[in-house]
Amino acid sequence: MRKLIILLFIVGAVASCAAPSPQPFPSPLTSSVLPTPAASVGTPRPAFRLDPMIAGSTEARGQGPIGFKLVIVDVNYGGVVLGSGQSDSSGNFRLTLNKPVESGHLIGLSVDLSPEQTRSEELNRKLFEIRGPGYRFVPNLVTVFDSYSIP
């Protein structure tokens, strides 16, 4: 009987632990002035979305916030930029990549921000709010707001 009670206590303790909700990545510096990207006012909508790709693809499609320089990166190679450009007035993009994506690699959608913008806590929070389901913060490499693992 004593073993059963201890087991129930342990299971109850584990079940009561909830995973923390995702929080915006911390910004070491706070800027009182939010740089406004071209053609963007308020929260930069639409949300980040990187469409699925296959090995050998030389084009990336999806959605991203209007007015930002979007970059496609290979996370397996430390965030090396494969292509860049901007979304159209509806937020859709179609970017040519400088080399084909490889099977098994994690490809990410990010933004190219000026140093002043990367220090803006408010901007980071707004971009975090519209992240895609593949959001990853890879310390010392790159923040990708959506990603896709190439099959």
C-alpha atoms as a PDB file:
ATOM      1  CA  MET A   1       0.000   0.000   0.000  1.00  0.00           C
ATOM      2  CA  ARG A   2       2.832   2.403   0.854  1.00  0.00           C
ATOM      3  CA  LYS A   3       4.463   1.892  -2.582  1.00  0.00           C
ATOM      4  CA  LEU A   4       1.184   2.678  -4.339  1.00  0.00           C
ATOM      5  CA  ILE A   5       0.739   5.929  -2.411  1.00  0.00           C
ATOM      6  CA  ILE A   6       4.294   7.053  -3.213  1.00  0.00           C
ATOM      7  CA  LEU A   7       3.784   6.197  -6.873  1.00  0.00           C
ATOM      8  CA  LEU A   8       0.530   8.181  -6.974  1.00  0.00           C
ATOM      9  CA  PHE A   9       2.268  11.139  -5.321  1.00  0.00           C
ATOM     10  CA  ILE A  10       5.076  11.091  -7.910  1.00  0.00           C
ATOM     11  CA  VAL A  11       2.644  10.764 -10.830  1.00  0.00           C
ATOM     12  CA  GLY A  12       0.526  13.593  -9.400  1.00  0.00           C
ATOM     13  CA  ALA A  13       3.574  15.838  -9.021  1.00  0.00           C
ATOM     14  CA  VAL A  14       4.664  15.206 -12.608  1.00  0.00           C
ATOM     15  CA  ALA A  15       1.137  15.727 -13.963  1.00  0.00           C
ATOM     16  CA  SER A  16       0.827  19.061 -12.161  1.00  0.00           C
ATOM     17  CA  CYS A  17       3.952  20.475 -13.835  1.00  0.00           C
ATOM     18  CA  ALA A  18       2.821  22.540 -16.791  1.00  0.00           C
ATOM     19  CA  ALA A  19       5.160  23.473 -19.590  1.00  0.00           C
ATOM     20  CA  PRO A  20       5.934  27.175 -19.526  1.00  0.00           C
ATOM     21  CA  SER A  21       4.290  29.257 -22.194  1.00  0.00           C
ATOM     22  CA  PRO A  22       6.710  30.600 -24.798  1.00  0.00           C
ATOM     23  CA  GLN A  23       8.026  34.040 -23.995  1.00  0.00           C
ATOM     24  CA  PRO A  24       9.727  36.544 -26.273  1.00  0.00           C
ATOM     25  CA  PHE A  25      13.472  36.131 -26.254  1.00  0.00           C
ATOM     26  CA  PRO A  26      15.106  38.633 -23.928  1.00  0.00           C
ATOM     27  CA  SER A  27      16.745  41.722 -25.304  1.00  0.00           C
ATOM     28  CA  PRO A  28      19.855  42.844 -23.425  1.00  0.00           C
ATOM     29  CA  LEU A  29      19.280  46.459 -24.398  1.00  0.00           C
ATOM     30  CA  THR A  30      16.104  48.471 -24.502  1.00  0.00           C
ATOM     31  CA  SER A  31      15.529  51.199 -27.040  1.00  0.00           C
ATOM     32  CA  SER A  32      13.044  53.969 -26.379  1.00  0.00           C
ATOM     33  CA  VAL A  33      12.734  54.594 -30.118  1.00  0.00           C
ATOM     34  CA  LEU A  34      11.232  51.877 -32.290  1.00  0.00           C
ATOM     35  CA  PRO A  35      12.723  51.996 -35.797  1.00  0.00           C
ATOM     36  CA  THR A  36       9.892  51.798 -38.298  1.00  0.00           C
ATOM     37  CA  PRO A  37      10.611  49.593 -41.310  1.00  0.00           C
ATOM     38  CA  ALA A  38       9.583  50.909 -44.718  1.00  0.00           C
ATOM     39  CA  ALA A  39       5.875  50.490 -45.507  1.00  0.00           C
ATOM     40  CA  SER A  40       5.098  49.155 -42.024  1.00  0.00           C
ATOM     41  CA  VAL A  41       2.932  50.789 -39.402  1.00  0.00           C
ATOM     42  CA  GLY A  42       1.877  49.206 -36.119  1.00  0.00           C
ATOM     43  CA  THR A  43       2.145  45.450 -35.756  1.00  0.00           C
ATOM     44  CA  PRO A  44       3.837  44.068 -38.884  1.00  0.00           C
ATOM     45  CA  ARG A  45       1.213  41.676 -40.257  1.00  0.00           C
ATOM     46  CA  PRO A  46       0.834  39.054 -41.799  1.00  0.00           C
ATOM     47  CA  ALA A  47       2.419  36.318 -39.733  1.00  0.00           C
ATOM     48  CA  PHE A  48       5.565  34.473 -40.739  1.00  0.00           C
ATOM     49  CA  ARG A  49       4.962  31.319 -42.770  1.00  0.00           C
ATOM     50  CA  LEU A  50       7.484  29.249 -44.691  1.00  0.00           C
ATOM     51  CA  ASP A  51       5.868  26.881 -47.166  1.00  0.00           C
ATOM     52  CA  PRO A  52       7.099  23.257 -47.310  1.00  0.00           C
ATOM     53  CA  MET A  53       9.989  22.479 -49.660  1.00  0.00           C
ATOM     54  CA  ILE A  54      11.675  19.348 -50.951  1.00  0.00           C
ATOM     55  CA  ALA A  55      15.372  18.522 -51.240  1.00  0.00           C
ATOM     56  CA  GLY A  56      16.847  20.315 -54.242  1.00  0.00           C
ATOM     57  CA  SER A  57      14.428  23.269 -54.070  1.00  0.00           C
ATOM     58  CA  THR A  58      15.948  26.570 -55.212  1.00  0.00           C
ATOM     59  CA  GLU A  59      12.947  28.699 -54.313  1.00  0.00           C
ATOM     60  CA  ALA A  60      11.242  29.541 -51.026  1.00  0.00           C
ATOM     61  CA  ARG A  61       7.665  30.752 -50.742  1.00  0.00           C
ATOM     62  CA  GLY A  62       5.477  31.888 -47.900  1.00  0.00           C
ATOM     63  CA  GLN A  63       4.367  34.963 -45.999  1.00  0.00           C
ATOM     64  CA  GLY A  64       6.206  37.550 -43.976  1.00  0.00           C
ATOM     65  CA  PRO A  65       5.698  40.982 -42.488  1.00  0.00           C
ATOM     66  CA  ILE A  66       5.555  43.780 -45.029  1.00  0.00           C
ATOM     67  CA  GLY A  67       8.462  46.196 -45.097  1.00  0.00           C
ATOM     68  CA  PHE A  68      11.170  43.934 -43.702  1.00  0.00           C
ATOM     69  CA  LYS A  69      14.046  42.322 -45.563  1.00  0.00           C
ATOM     70  CA  LEU A  70      13.283  38.604 -45.265  1.00  0.00           C
ATOM     71  CA  VAL A  71      16.068  36.028 -45.286  1.00  0.00           C
ATOM     72  CA  ILE A  72      16.001  32.282 -45.800  1.00  0.00           C
ATOM     73  CA  VAL A  73      18.708  30.566 -43.731  1.00  0.00           C
ATOM     74  CA  ASP A  74      20.115  27.051 -43.375  1.00  0.00           C
ATOM     75  CA  VAL A  75      20.195  26.470 -39.628  1.00  0.00           C
ATOM     76  CA  ASN A  76      22.374  23.357 -40.038  1.00  0.00           C
ATOM     77  CA  TYR A  77      25.103  25.574 -41.473  1.00  0.00           C
ATOM     78  CA  GLY A  78      24.937  28.110 -38.639  1.00  0.00           C
ATOM     79  CA  GLY A  79      22.282  30.339 -40.183  1.00  0.00           C
ATOM     80  CA  VAL A  80      24.006  30.880 -43.534  1.00  0.00           C
ATOM     81  CA  VAL A  81      21.790  33.008 -45.790  1.00  0.00           C
ATOM     82  CA  LEU A  82      20.417  31.112 -48.794  1.00  0.00           C
ATOM     83  CA  GLY A  83      18.324  33.959 -50.193  1.00  0.00           C
ATOM     84  CA  SER A  84      16.737  37.268 -49.324  1.00  0.00           C
ATOM     85  CA  GLY A  85      14.068  39.698 -50.472  1.00  0.00           C
ATOM     86  CA  GLN A  86      10.799  41.259 -49.386  1.00  0.00           C
ATOM     87  CA  SER A  87       7.186  40.247 -49.382  1.00  0.00           C
ATOM     88  CA  ASP A  88       4.717  41.930 -51.704  1.00  0.00           C
ATOM     89  CA  SER A  89       1.945  44.296 -50.565  1.00  0.00           C
ATOM     90  CA  SER A  90      -0.113  41.285 -49.418  1.00  0.00           C
ATOM     91  CA  GLY A  91       2.754  39.799 -47.401  1.00  0.00           C
ATOM     92  CA  ASN A  92       3.497  36.952 -49.835  1.00  0.00           C
ATOM     93  CA  PHE A  93       7.042  36.229 -50.942  1.00  0.00           C
ATOM     94  CA  ARG A  94       8.796  34.067 -53.519  1.00  0.00           C
ATOM     95  CA  LEU A  95      12.578  34.110 -53.061  1.00  0.00           C
ATOM     96  CA  THR A  96      15.257  32.533 -55.227  1.00  0.00           C
ATOM     97  CA  LEU A  97      17.864  30.610 -53.225  1.00  0.00           C
ATOM     98  CA  ASN A  98      21.569  30.730 -54.095  1.00  0.00           C
ATOM     99  CA  LYS A  99      21.911  26.954 -53.650  1.00  0.00           C
ATOM    100  CA  PRO A 100      19.500  24.008 -53.418  1.00  0.00           C
ATOM    101  CA  VAL A 101      18.275  22.992 -49.966  1.00  0.00           C
ATOM    102  CA  GLU A 102      19.543  19.676 -48.655  1.00  0.00           C
ATOM    103  CA  SER A 103      17.604  16.735 -47.251  1.00  0.00           C
ATOM    104  CA  GLY A 104      17.643  16.633 -43.452  1.00  0.00           C
ATOM    105  CA  HIS A 105      18.440  20.339 -43.086  1.00  0.00           C
ATOM    106  CA  LEU A 106      16.378  22.814 -41.105  1.00  0.00           C
ATOM    107  CA  ILE A 107      15.560  25.845 -43.246  1.00  0.00           C
ATOM    108  CA  GLY A 108      14.396  28.991 -41.478  1.00  0.00           C
ATOM    109  CA  LEU A 109      12.638  32.245 -42.307  1.00  0.00           C
ATOM    110  CA  SER A 110      14.139  35.257 -40.560  1.00  0.00           C
ATOM    111  CA  VAL A 111      14.499  38.998 -40.964  1.00  0.00           C
ATOM    112  CA  ASP A 112      17.592  41.085 -41.594  1.00  0.00           C
ATOM    113  CA  LEU A 113      17.457  43.860 -39.006  1.00  0.00           C
ATOM    114  CA  SER A 114      19.768  46.761 -38.373  1.00  0.00           C
ATOM    115  CA  PRO A 115      21.639  46.686 -35.033  1.00  0.00           C
ATOM    116  CA  GLU A 116      19.273  49.369 -33.696  1.00  0.00           C
ATOM    117  CA  GLN A 117      16.241  47.243 -34.541  1.00  0.00           C
ATOM    118  CA  THR A 118      17.654  44.072 -32.967  1.00  0.00           C
ATOM    119  CA  ARG A 119      18.001  45.975 -29.692  1.00  0.00           C
ATOM    120  CA  SER A 120      14.412  47.167 -29.747  1.00  0.00           C
ATOM    121  CA  GLU A 121      12.465  45.144 -27.210  1.00  0.00           C
ATOM    122  CA  GLU A 122       9.156  46.393 -28.629  1.00  0.00           C
ATOM    123  CA  LEU A 123      10.045  45.295 -32.172  1.00  0.00           C
ATOM    124  CA  ASN A 124      11.218  41.886 -30.942  1.00  0.00           C
ATOM    125  CA  ARG A 125       7.926  41.444 -29.067  1.00  0.00           C
ATOM    126  CA  LYS A 126       5.864  42.350 -32.160  1.00  0.00           C
ATOM    127  CA  LEU A 127       7.795  39.922 -34.359  1.00  0.00           C
ATOM    128  CA  PHE A 128       7.466  37.201 -31.701  1.00  0.00           C
ATOM    129  CA  GLU A 129       3.684  37.673 -31.680  1.00  0.00           C
ATOM    130  CA  ILE A 130       3.442  36.745 -35.366  1.00  0.00           C
ATOM    131  CA  ARG A 131       5.941  33.874 -35.348  1.00  0.00           C
ATOM    132  CA  GLY A 132       5.120  30.705 -37.224  1.00  0.00           C
ATOM    133  CA  PRO A 133       4.744  27.221 -35.737  1.00  0.00           C
ATOM    134  CA  GLY A 134       8.391  26.456 -36.580  1.00  0.00           C
ATOM    135  CA  TYR A 135       9.732  29.338 -34.431  1.00  0.00           C
ATOM    136  CA  ARG A 136      13.175  28.652 -32.962  1.00  0.00           C
ATOM    137  CA  PHE A 137      15.670  30.777 -31.101  1.00  0.00           C
ATOM    138  CA  VAL A 138      19.090  29.293 -31.793  1.00  0.00           C
ATOM    139  CA  PRO A 139      21.462  31.108 -29.409  1.00  0.00           C
ATOM    140  CA  ASN A 140      24.461  32.791 -31.026  1.00  0.00           C
ATOM    141  CA  LEU A 141      23.227  31.882 -34.505  1.00  0.00           C
ATOM    142  CA  VAL A 142      19.899  33.198 -35.672  1.00  0.00           C
ATOM    143  CA  THR A 143      16.265  33.608 -34.722  1.00  0.00           C
ATOM    144  CA  VAL A 144      13.936  31.996 -37.231  1.00  0.00           C
ATOM    145  CA  PHE A 145      10.287  32.975 -37.079  1.00  0.00           C
ATOM    146  CA  ASP A 146       9.224  29.851 -38.962  1.00  0.00           C
ATOM    147  CA  SER A 147      11.144  26.829 -40.167  1.00  0.00           C
ATOM    148  CA  TYR A 148      10.807  23.671 -42.175  1.00  0.00           C
ATOM    149  CA  SER A 149      12.814  20.460 -41.962  1.00  0.00           C
ATOM    150  CA  ILE A 150      13.587  19.193 -45.459  1.00  0.00           C
ATOM    151  CA  PRO A 151      12.552  15.531 -45.810  1.00  0.00           C
END
